Amino acid sequence: MTRIDAKFAELRAKGQKAFVAYMMAGDPDQETSMAVLRGLPAAGVDIIELGMPFTDPMADGPTIQLAGQRALEAGQTLQKTLDMVTAFRKTDPDTPIVLMGYYNPIYNRGVATFLKDAKTAGIDGLIVVDLPPEEDDELCIPAQAAGINFIRLATPTTDDKRLPKVLQNTSGFVYYVSITGITGAAEAQAGDVGPEVARIKAQTDLPVIVGFGIKTPERARDIASVADGAVVGSAIVSEIAAGKPVDEVLAFVKSLADGAHSA
């Protein structure tokens, strides 16, 4: 059982939905980013999604693209991202961390080396948005063998014919992208999301977490009420981009977490 599996078991026992927070590693700099990362669990975050900065983030909207640029300009690397997780684990052995990003930096490092280093650092899951199920031998299957969950995205365009393929080697949870398009583009609607979550849950026992287009505590609550939890990314990254102090960023995160947990 991974930390992700244990977290969902714990939440189910409490009758609570999950709140997942995304942040970009190294944005706007290593020190600030580390302070936010350390503060997320106390702000009510159940699972942390940590972005790996990349020069060509095709699935991301302007907010997260700019966060990646700031991080890269501040000298963030894949190694520094893993070092952040290693440092985090010294004081928090339990909160699951999922790395989210693109295959290129992993490929450049070498899959076997990356998986060994990620496992040692304390990474629990991967979301790699540019590796389709047809490429599972590249990273997905080796990751699962290393004890790291491989989390797949399902979208409004994932039809009933495609869905079983998407779910085939997925573990940890399914990430349902609530809108068609890039991150931060539109607002998620519970009325649209509910039937889609039910459709996915009819084909898997995995939790279904919904992300994209969730910007307020009220929307986090609404979305969590029709799923197993909610993910917020761009709204949190926007607070960091605005130069808010770390305590204000974490207070905003706590309001979102409270919203999701009230569902």
C-alpha atoms as a PDB file:
ATOM      1  CA  MET A   1       0.000   0.000   0.000  1.00  0.00           C
ATOM      2  CA  THR A   2       1.417   3.379  -1.027  1.00  0.00           C
ATOM      3  CA  ARG A   3       0.990   6.584   0.966  1.00  0.00           C
ATOM      4  CA  ILE A   4      -1.703   7.544  -1.565  1.00  0.00           C
ATOM      5  CA  ASP A   5      -3.669   4.340  -0.912  1.00  0.00           C
ATOM      6  CA  ALA A   6      -3.286   4.837   2.851  1.00  0.00           C
ATOM      7  CA  LYS A   7      -4.493   8.455   2.618  1.00  0.00           C
ATOM      8  CA  PHE A   8      -7.670   7.508   0.755  1.00  0.00           C
ATOM      9  CA  ALA A   9      -8.351   4.684   3.232  1.00  0.00           C
ATOM     10  CA  GLU A  10      -7.974   7.189   6.071  1.00  0.00           C
ATOM     11  CA  LEU A  11     -10.298   9.708   4.380  1.00  0.00           C
ATOM     12  CA  ARG A  12     -12.913   7.019   3.654  1.00  0.00           C
ATOM     13  CA  ALA A  13     -12.864   5.989   7.313  1.00  0.00           C
ATOM     14  CA  LYS A  14     -13.583   9.614   8.256  1.00  0.00           C
ATOM     15  CA  GLY A  15     -16.229  10.033   5.551  1.00  0.00           C
ATOM     16  CA  GLN A  16     -14.195  12.889   4.080  1.00  0.00           C
ATOM     17  CA  LYS A  17     -13.271  13.957   0.567  1.00  0.00           C
ATOM     18  CA  ALA A  18      -9.664  14.609  -0.480  1.00  0.00           C
ATOM     19  CA  PHE A  19      -8.126  17.995  -1.100  1.00  0.00           C
ATOM     20  CA  VAL A  20      -5.159  17.989  -3.474  1.00  0.00           C
ATOM     21  CA  ALA A  21      -3.021  21.110  -3.911  1.00  0.00           C
ATOM     22  CA  TYR A  22      -0.691  21.780  -6.838  1.00  0.00           C
ATOM     23  CA  MET A  23       2.383  23.979  -6.643  1.00  0.00           C
ATOM     24  CA  MET A  24       5.340  24.448  -8.968  1.00  0.00           C
ATOM     25  CA  ALA A  25       8.654  23.361  -7.456  1.00  0.00           C
ATOM     26  CA  GLY A  26      11.075  26.280  -7.213  1.00  0.00           C
ATOM     27  CA  ASP A  27       8.510  29.036  -7.878  1.00  0.00           C
ATOM     28  CA  PRO A  28       9.360  31.870  -7.426  1.00  0.00           C
ATOM     29  CA  ASP A  29      12.557  30.647  -5.776  1.00  0.00           C
ATOM     30  CA  GLN A  30      13.767  27.647  -3.792  1.00  0.00           C
ATOM     31  CA  GLU A  31      13.322  29.191  -0.338  1.00  0.00           C
ATOM     32  CA  THR A  32       9.757  30.434  -0.840  1.00  0.00           C
ATOM     33  CA  SER A  33       8.742  27.247  -2.605  1.00  0.00           C
ATOM     34  CA  MET A  34      10.119  25.105   0.219  1.00  0.00           C
ATOM     35  CA  ALA A  35       8.251  27.176   2.807  1.00  0.00           C
ATOM     36  CA  VAL A  36       4.960  26.714   0.939  1.00  0.00           C
ATOM     37  CA  LEU A  37       5.596  22.982   0.510  1.00  0.00           C
ATOM     38  CA  ARG A  38       6.291  22.498   4.221  1.00  0.00           C
ATOM     39  CA  GLY A  39       3.133  24.419   5.162  1.00  0.00           C
ATOM     40  CA  LEU A  40       0.645  22.574   2.942  1.00  0.00           C
ATOM     41  CA  PRO A  41      -0.193  19.635   5.268  1.00  0.00           C
ATOM     42  CA  ALA A  42      -1.044  21.930   8.187  1.00  0.00           C
ATOM     43  CA  ALA A  43      -3.243  23.934   5.785  1.00  0.00           C
ATOM     44  CA  GLY A  44      -5.366  20.818   5.258  1.00  0.00           C
ATOM     45  CA  VAL A  45      -3.809  19.423   2.080  1.00  0.00           C
ATOM     46  CA  ASP A  46      -4.233  15.647   1.835  1.00  0.00           C
ATOM     47  CA  ILE A  47      -2.064  15.066  -1.240  1.00  0.00           C
ATOM     48  CA  ILE A  48       0.560  17.410  -2.686  1.00  0.00           C
ATOM     49  CA  GLU A  49       1.006  17.670  -6.433  1.00  0.00           C
ATOM     50  CA  LEU A  50       4.464  19.061  -7.120  1.00  0.00           C
ATOM     51  CA  GLY A  51       5.108  20.442 -10.576  1.00  0.00           C
ATOM     52  CA  MET A  52       8.386  19.709 -12.328  1.00  0.00           C
ATOM     53  CA  PRO A  53       9.293  22.858 -14.300  1.00  0.00           C
ATOM     54  CA  PHE A  54       9.696  22.242 -18.014  1.00  0.00           C
ATOM     55  CA  THR A  55      10.381  24.540 -20.966  1.00  0.00           C
ATOM     56  CA  ASP A  56       7.441  23.343 -23.098  1.00  0.00           C
ATOM     57  CA  PRO A  57       4.466  22.635 -20.804  1.00  0.00           C
ATOM     58  CA  MET A  58       1.836  22.023 -23.484  1.00  0.00           C
ATOM     59  CA  ALA A  59      -1.073  21.114 -21.167  1.00  0.00           C
ATOM     60  CA  ASP A  60      -0.666  24.157 -18.947  1.00  0.00           C
ATOM     61  CA  GLY A  61      -2.233  27.564 -19.198  1.00  0.00           C
ATOM     62  CA  PRO A  62      -0.369  30.863 -18.781  1.00  0.00           C
ATOM     63  CA  THR A  63      -0.433  30.809 -14.965  1.00  0.00           C
ATOM     64  CA  ILE A  64       1.428  27.519 -14.606  1.00  0.00           C
ATOM     65  CA  GLN A  65       3.592  28.137 -17.683  1.00  0.00           C
ATOM     66  CA  LEU A  66       4.844  31.362 -16.082  1.00  0.00           C
ATOM     67  CA  ALA A  67       5.403  29.562 -12.773  1.00  0.00           C
ATOM     68  CA  GLY A  68       7.613  27.062 -14.578  1.00  0.00           C
ATOM     69  CA  GLN A  69       9.523  29.874 -16.267  1.00  0.00           C
ATOM     70  CA  ARG A  70      10.095  31.651 -12.942  1.00  0.00           C
ATOM     71  CA  ALA A  71      11.318  28.417 -11.386  1.00  0.00           C
ATOM     72  CA  LEU A  72      13.692  27.644 -14.259  1.00  0.00           C
ATOM     73  CA  GLU A  73      15.037  31.192 -14.233  1.00  0.00           C
ATOM     74  CA  ALA A  74      15.684  30.822 -10.489  1.00  0.00           C
ATOM     75  CA  GLY A  75      17.771  27.729 -11.229  1.00  0.00           C
ATOM     76  CA  GLN A  76      15.286  24.949 -10.442  1.00  0.00           C
ATOM     77  CA  THR A  77      16.251  21.509 -11.785  1.00  0.00           C
ATOM     78  CA  LEU A  78      14.814  18.015 -11.495  1.00  0.00           C
ATOM     79  CA  GLN A  79      17.508  17.234  -8.920  1.00  0.00           C
ATOM     80  CA  LYS A  80      16.562  20.284  -6.847  1.00  0.00           C
ATOM     81  CA  THR A  81      12.918  19.200  -7.009  1.00  0.00           C
ATOM     82  CA  LEU A  82      13.849  15.754  -5.668  1.00  0.00           C
ATOM     83  CA  ASP A  83      16.018  17.442  -3.018  1.00  0.00           C
ATOM     84  CA  MET A  84      12.962  19.457  -1.892  1.00  0.00           C
ATOM     85  CA  VAL A  85      11.037  16.225  -1.358  1.00  0.00           C
ATOM     86  CA  THR A  86      13.958  14.662   0.533  1.00  0.00           C
ATOM     87  CA  ALA A  87      14.045  17.693   2.854  1.00  0.00           C
ATOM     88  CA  PHE A  88      10.246  17.636   3.274  1.00  0.00           C
ATOM     89  CA  ARG A  89      10.308  13.967   4.259  1.00  0.00           C
ATOM     90  CA  LYS A  90      12.626  14.690   7.216  1.00  0.00           C
ATOM     91  CA  THR A  91       9.675  16.270   9.047  1.00  0.00           C
ATOM     92  CA  ASP A  92       6.679  14.729   7.234  1.00  0.00           C
ATOM     93  CA  PRO A  93       6.831  10.984   6.555  1.00  0.00           C
ATOM     94  CA  ASP A  94       3.136  10.619   5.714  1.00  0.00           C
ATOM     95  CA  THR A  95       1.720  13.215   3.289  1.00  0.00           C
ATOM     96  CA  PRO A  96       1.651  11.763  -0.243  1.00  0.00           C
ATOM     97  CA  ILE A  97       3.560  13.677  -2.918  1.00  0.00           C
ATOM     98  CA  VAL A  98       2.829  13.279  -6.628  1.00  0.00           C
ATOM     99  CA  LEU A  99       5.242  14.680  -9.200  1.00  0.00           C
ATOM    100  CA  MET A 100       3.421  16.201 -12.169  1.00  0.00           C
ATOM    101  CA  GLY A 101       5.043  17.148 -15.414  1.00  0.00           C
ATOM    102  CA  TYR A 102       6.425  15.972 -18.719  1.00  0.00           C
ATOM    103  CA  TYR A 103       8.491  13.006 -19.843  1.00  0.00           C
ATOM    104  CA  ASN A 104      11.489  14.839 -21.286  1.00  0.00           C
ATOM    105  CA  PRO A 105      13.338  15.602 -17.992  1.00  0.00           C
ATOM    106  CA  ILE A 106      12.712  12.025 -16.799  1.00  0.00           C
ATOM    107  CA  TYR A 107      13.921  10.543 -20.101  1.00  0.00           C
ATOM    108  CA  ASN A 108      17.037  12.711 -19.997  1.00  0.00           C
ATOM    109  CA  ARG A 109      17.864  11.486 -16.510  1.00  0.00           C
ATOM    110  CA  GLY A 110      17.194   7.854 -17.460  1.00  0.00           C
ATOM    111  CA  VAL A 111      14.016   6.102 -16.332  1.00  0.00           C
ATOM    112  CA  ALA A 112      15.703   3.582 -14.023  1.00  0.00           C
ATOM    113  CA  THR A 113      17.843   6.258 -12.365  1.00  0.00           C
ATOM    114  CA  PHE A 114      14.888   8.628 -12.027  1.00  0.00           C
ATOM    115  CA  LEU A 115      12.623   6.001 -10.440  1.00  0.00           C
ATOM    116  CA  LYS A 116      15.317   4.948  -7.974  1.00  0.00           C
ATOM    117  CA  ASP A 117      16.007   8.582  -7.017  1.00  0.00           C
ATOM    118  CA  ALA A 118      12.292   9.447  -6.811  1.00  0.00           C
ATOM    119  CA  LYS A 119      11.567   6.472  -4.567  1.00  0.00           C
ATOM    120  CA  THR A 120      14.538   7.335  -2.328  1.00  0.00           C
ATOM    121  CA  ALA A 121      13.388  10.967  -2.080  1.00  0.00           C
ATOM    122  CA  GLY A 122       9.890   9.904  -1.019  1.00  0.00           C
ATOM    123  CA  ILE A 123       7.790  10.373  -4.162  1.00  0.00           C
ATOM    124  CA  ASP A 124       4.534   8.398  -4.136  1.00  0.00           C
ATOM    125  CA  GLY A 125       3.053   8.985  -7.564  1.00  0.00           C
ATOM    126  CA  LEU A 126       3.623  10.373 -11.042  1.00  0.00           C
ATOM    127  CA  ILE A 127       1.404  12.271 -13.445  1.00  0.00           C
ATOM    128  CA  VAL A 128       3.180  12.536 -16.790  1.00  0.00           C
ATOM    129  CA  VAL A 129       0.779  14.216 -19.161  1.00  0.00           C
ATOM    130  CA  ASP A 130       2.516  13.509 -22.459  1.00  0.00           C
ATOM    131  CA  LEU A 131       2.795   9.711 -22.128  1.00  0.00           C
ATOM    132  CA  PRO A 132      -0.367   7.996 -23.442  1.00  0.00           C
ATOM    133  CA  PRO A 133      -1.336   4.446 -22.370  1.00  0.00           C
ATOM    134  CA  GLU A 134       0.221   3.106 -25.580  1.00  0.00           C
ATOM    135  CA  GLU A 135       3.603   4.074 -24.084  1.00  0.00           C
ATOM    136  CA  ASP A 136       3.091   2.331 -20.716  1.00  0.00           C
ATOM    137  CA  ASP A 137       6.284   0.293 -21.098  1.00  0.00           C
ATOM    138  CA  GLU A 138       8.291   3.550 -21.110  1.00  0.00           C
ATOM    139  CA  LEU A 139       7.526   4.673 -17.554  1.00  0.00           C
ATOM    140  CA  CYS A 140       4.144   3.563 -16.210  1.00  0.00           C
ATOM    141  CA  ILE A 141       4.909  -0.137 -15.754  1.00  0.00           C
ATOM    142  CA  PRO A 142       8.465   0.424 -14.427  1.00  0.00           C
ATOM    143  CA  ALA A 143       7.082   3.016 -11.974  1.00  0.00           C
ATOM    144  CA  GLN A 144       4.459   0.607 -10.632  1.00  0.00           C
ATOM    145  CA  ALA A 145       7.163  -2.056 -10.256  1.00  0.00           C
ATOM    146  CA  ALA A 146       9.178   0.451  -8.212  1.00  0.00           C
ATOM    147  CA  GLY A 147       6.198   1.029  -5.899  1.00  0.00           C
ATOM    148  CA  ILE A 148       5.256   4.427  -7.344  1.00  0.00           C
ATOM    149  CA  ASN A 149       1.645   5.016  -8.417  1.00  0.00           C
ATOM    150  CA  PHE A 150       1.105   6.090 -12.016  1.00  0.00           C
ATOM    151  CA  ILE A 151      -1.901   8.395 -12.170  1.00  0.00           C
ATOM    152  CA  ARG A 152      -3.673   8.899 -15.449  1.00  0.00           C
ATOM    153  CA  LEU A 153      -5.812  11.778 -16.666  1.00  0.00           C
ATOM    154  CA  ALA A 154      -9.305  11.245 -18.031  1.00  0.00           C
ATOM    155  CA  THR A 155     -11.024  14.124 -19.810  1.00  0.00           C
ATOM    156  CA  PRO A 156     -14.446  15.083 -21.185  1.00  0.00           C
ATOM    157  CA  THR A 157     -13.257  13.677 -24.535  1.00  0.00           C
ATOM    158  CA  THR A 158     -12.300  10.264 -23.079  1.00  0.00           C
ATOM    159  CA  ASP A 159     -15.207   8.231 -24.461  1.00  0.00           C
ATOM    160  CA  ASP A 160     -16.401   4.788 -23.316  1.00  0.00           C
ATOM    161  CA  LYS A 161     -14.261   3.095 -25.950  1.00  0.00           C
ATOM    162  CA  ARG A 162     -11.074   4.851 -24.791  1.00  0.00           C
ATOM    163  CA  LEU A 163     -11.706   4.813 -21.044  1.00  0.00           C
ATOM    164  CA  PRO A 164     -10.726   1.152 -20.345  1.00  0.00           C
ATOM    165  CA  LYS A 165      -7.370   1.765 -22.041  1.00  0.00           C
ATOM    166  CA  VAL A 166      -6.787   4.857 -19.884  1.00  0.00           C
ATOM    167  CA  LEU A 167      -7.663   2.945 -16.709  1.00  0.00           C
ATOM    168  CA  GLN A 168      -5.689  -0.191 -17.626  1.00  0.00           C
ATOM    169  CA  ASN A 169      -2.467   0.434 -15.670  1.00  0.00           C
ATOM    170  CA  THR A 170      -3.568   3.420 -13.584  1.00  0.00           C
ATOM    171  CA  SER A 171      -3.118   3.285  -9.822  1.00  0.00           C
ATOM    172  CA  GLY A 172      -3.478   5.612  -6.824  1.00  0.00           C
ATOM    173  CA  PHE A 173      -6.366   7.610  -8.237  1.00  0.00           C
ATOM    174  CA  VAL A 174      -7.838   8.792 -11.518  1.00  0.00           C
ATOM    175  CA  TYR A 175      -7.461  12.504 -12.230  1.00  0.00           C
ATOM    176  CA  TYR A 176     -10.543  13.743 -14.085  1.00  0.00           C
ATOM    177  CA  VAL A 177      -9.921  16.952 -16.022  1.00  0.00           C
ATOM    178  CA  SER A 178     -13.221  18.789 -15.672  1.00  0.00           C
ATOM    179  CA  ILE A 179     -12.919  21.024 -18.713  1.00  0.00           C
ATOM    180  CA  THR A 180     -11.666  20.735 -22.262  1.00  0.00           C
ATOM    181  CA  GLY A 181      -8.555  22.860 -22.642  1.00  0.00           C
ATOM    182  CA  ILE A 182      -5.579  24.077 -20.647  1.00  0.00           C
ATOM    183  CA  THR A 183      -5.193  24.583 -16.901  1.00  0.00           C
ATOM    184  CA  GLY A 184      -6.806  27.682 -15.419  1.00  0.00           C
ATOM    185  CA  ALA A 185      -8.955  28.341 -18.480  1.00  0.00           C
ATOM    186  CA  ALA A 186     -12.564  27.957 -17.368  1.00  0.00           C
ATOM    187  CA  GLU A 187     -14.605  27.133 -14.304  1.00  0.00           C
ATOM    188  CA  ALA A 188     -15.625  23.573 -13.422  1.00  0.00           C
ATOM    189  CA  GLN A 189     -19.349  22.900 -13.006  1.00  0.00           C
ATOM    190  CA  ALA A 190     -20.515  20.172 -10.628  1.00  0.00           C
ATOM    191  CA  GLY A 191     -23.547  19.473 -12.798  1.00  0.00           C
ATOM    192  CA  ASP A 192     -21.297  18.604 -15.728  1.00  0.00           C
ATOM    193  CA  VAL A 193     -18.708  16.751 -13.648  1.00  0.00           C
ATOM    194  CA  GLY A 194     -21.008  14.473 -11.614  1.00  0.00           C
ATOM    195  CA  PRO A 195     -22.196  12.223 -14.468  1.00  0.00           C
ATOM    196  CA  GLU A 196     -18.644  11.946 -15.833  1.00  0.00           C
ATOM    197  CA  VAL A 197     -17.276  10.887 -12.438  1.00  0.00           C
ATOM    198  CA  ALA A 198     -20.052   8.285 -12.155  1.00  0.00           C
ATOM    199  CA  ARG A 199     -19.166   6.992 -15.642  1.00  0.00           C
ATOM    200  CA  ILE A 200     -15.515   6.536 -14.640  1.00  0.00           C
ATOM    201  CA  LYS A 201     -16.363   4.981 -11.267  1.00  0.00           C
ATOM    202  CA  ALA A 202     -18.520   2.398 -13.039  1.00  0.00           C
ATOM    203  CA  GLN A 203     -15.307   1.070 -14.607  1.00  0.00           C
ATOM    204  CA  THR A 204     -12.806   1.338 -11.720  1.00  0.00           C
ATOM    205  CA  ASP A 205     -12.563   1.024  -7.944  1.00  0.00           C
ATOM    206  CA  LEU A 206      -9.971   3.806  -7.832  1.00  0.00           C
ATOM    207  CA  PRO A 207     -10.867   7.179  -6.308  1.00  0.00           C
ATOM    208  CA  VAL A 208     -11.702   9.857  -8.885  1.00  0.00           C
ATOM    209  CA  ILE A 209     -10.303  13.312  -8.140  1.00  0.00           C
ATOM    210  CA  VAL A 210     -11.387  16.323 -10.185  1.00  0.00           C
ATOM    211  CA  GLY A 211      -9.122  19.190 -11.214  1.00  0.00           C
ATOM    212  CA  PHE A 212      -8.951  22.191 -13.595  1.00  0.00           C
ATOM    213  CA  GLY A 213     -11.256  25.174 -13.146  1.00  0.00           C
ATOM    214  CA  ILE A 214     -11.597  25.134  -9.329  1.00  0.00           C
ATOM    215  CA  LYS A 215     -10.762  28.544  -7.888  1.00  0.00           C
ATOM    216  CA  THR A 216     -12.860  29.097  -4.756  1.00  0.00           C
ATOM    217  CA  PRO A 217     -13.723  27.222  -1.531  1.00  0.00           C
ATOM    218  CA  GLU A 218     -17.353  27.015  -2.704  1.00  0.00           C
ATOM    219  CA  ARG A 219     -16.362  25.441  -6.010  1.00  0.00           C
ATOM    220  CA  ALA A 220     -13.996  23.033  -4.227  1.00  0.00           C
ATOM    221  CA  ARG A 221     -16.923  21.946  -2.045  1.00  0.00           C
ATOM    222  CA  ASP A 222     -19.298  21.574  -5.007  1.00  0.00           C
ATOM    223  CA  ILE A 223     -16.835  19.507  -7.036  1.00  0.00           C
ATOM    224  CA  ALA A 224     -15.760  17.354  -4.059  1.00  0.00           C
ATOM    225  CA  SER A 225     -19.425  16.602  -3.381  1.00  0.00           C
ATOM    226  CA  VAL A 226     -19.723  14.756  -6.725  1.00  0.00           C
ATOM    227  CA  ALA A 227     -16.247  13.147  -6.687  1.00  0.00           C
ATOM    228  CA  ASP A 228     -13.734  11.680  -4.236  1.00  0.00           C
ATOM    229  CA  GLY A 229     -11.959  15.002  -3.968  1.00  0.00           C
ATOM    230  CA  ALA A 230     -10.829  18.190  -5.673  1.00  0.00           C
ATOM    231  CA  VAL A 231      -7.528  19.513  -7.018  1.00  0.00           C
ATOM    232  CA  VAL A 232      -6.635  23.204  -7.081  1.00  0.00           C
ATOM    233  CA  GLY A 233      -3.570  24.420  -8.962  1.00  0.00           C
ATOM    234  CA  SER A 234      -3.730  27.666 -10.926  1.00  0.00           C
ATOM    235  CA  ALA A 235      -5.556  29.577  -8.189  1.00  0.00           C
ATOM    236  CA  ILE A 236      -2.815  28.710  -5.673  1.00  0.00           C
ATOM    237  CA  VAL A 237      -0.040  29.435  -8.163  1.00  0.00           C
ATOM    238  CA  SER A 238      -1.665  32.832  -8.835  1.00  0.00           C
ATOM    239  CA  GLU A 239      -1.373  33.709  -5.137  1.00  0.00           C
ATOM    240  CA  ILE A 240       2.333  32.863  -5.247  1.00  0.00           C
ATOM    241  CA  ALA A 241       2.765  34.821  -8.497  1.00  0.00           C
ATOM    242  CA  ALA A 242       1.180  37.866  -6.870  1.00  0.00           C
ATOM    243  CA  GLY A 243       4.003  37.873  -4.333  1.00  0.00           C
ATOM    244  CA  LYS A 244       1.742  37.127  -1.373  1.00  0.00           C
ATOM    245  CA  PRO A 245       3.558  36.199   1.848  1.00  0.00           C
ATOM    246  CA  VAL A 246       3.759  32.462   2.492  1.00  0.00           C
ATOM    247  CA  ASP A 247       1.309  32.653   5.416  1.00  0.00           C
ATOM    248  CA  GLU A 248      -1.291  34.346   3.180  1.00  0.00           C
ATOM    249  CA  VAL A 249      -0.823  31.718   0.464  1.00  0.00           C
ATOM    250  CA  LEU A 250      -1.310  28.976   3.054  1.00  0.00           C
ATOM    251  CA  ALA A 251      -4.391  30.705   4.499  1.00  0.00           C
ATOM    252  CA  PHE A 252      -5.914  30.693   1.011  1.00  0.00           C
ATOM    253  CA  VAL A 253      -5.021  27.009   0.625  1.00  0.00           C
ATOM    254  CA  LYS A 254      -6.679  26.276   3.972  1.00  0.00           C
ATOM    255  CA  SER A 255      -9.897  27.969   2.809  1.00  0.00           C
ATOM    256  CA  LEU A 256      -9.938  25.709  -0.261  1.00  0.00           C
ATOM    257  CA  ALA A 257      -9.191  22.615   1.819  1.00  0.00           C
ATOM    258  CA  ASP A 258     -11.977  23.518   4.241  1.00  0.00           C
ATOM    259  CA  GLY A 259     -14.322  23.852   1.275  1.00  0.00           C
ATOM    260  CA  ALA A 260     -13.452  20.414  -0.107  1.00  0.00           C
ATOM    261  CA  HIS A 261     -13.617  18.802   3.341  1.00  0.00           C
ATOM    262  CA  SER A 262     -17.099  20.252   3.955  1.00  0.00           C
ATOM    263  CA  ALA A 263     -18.520  18.354   0.966  1.00  0.00           C
END
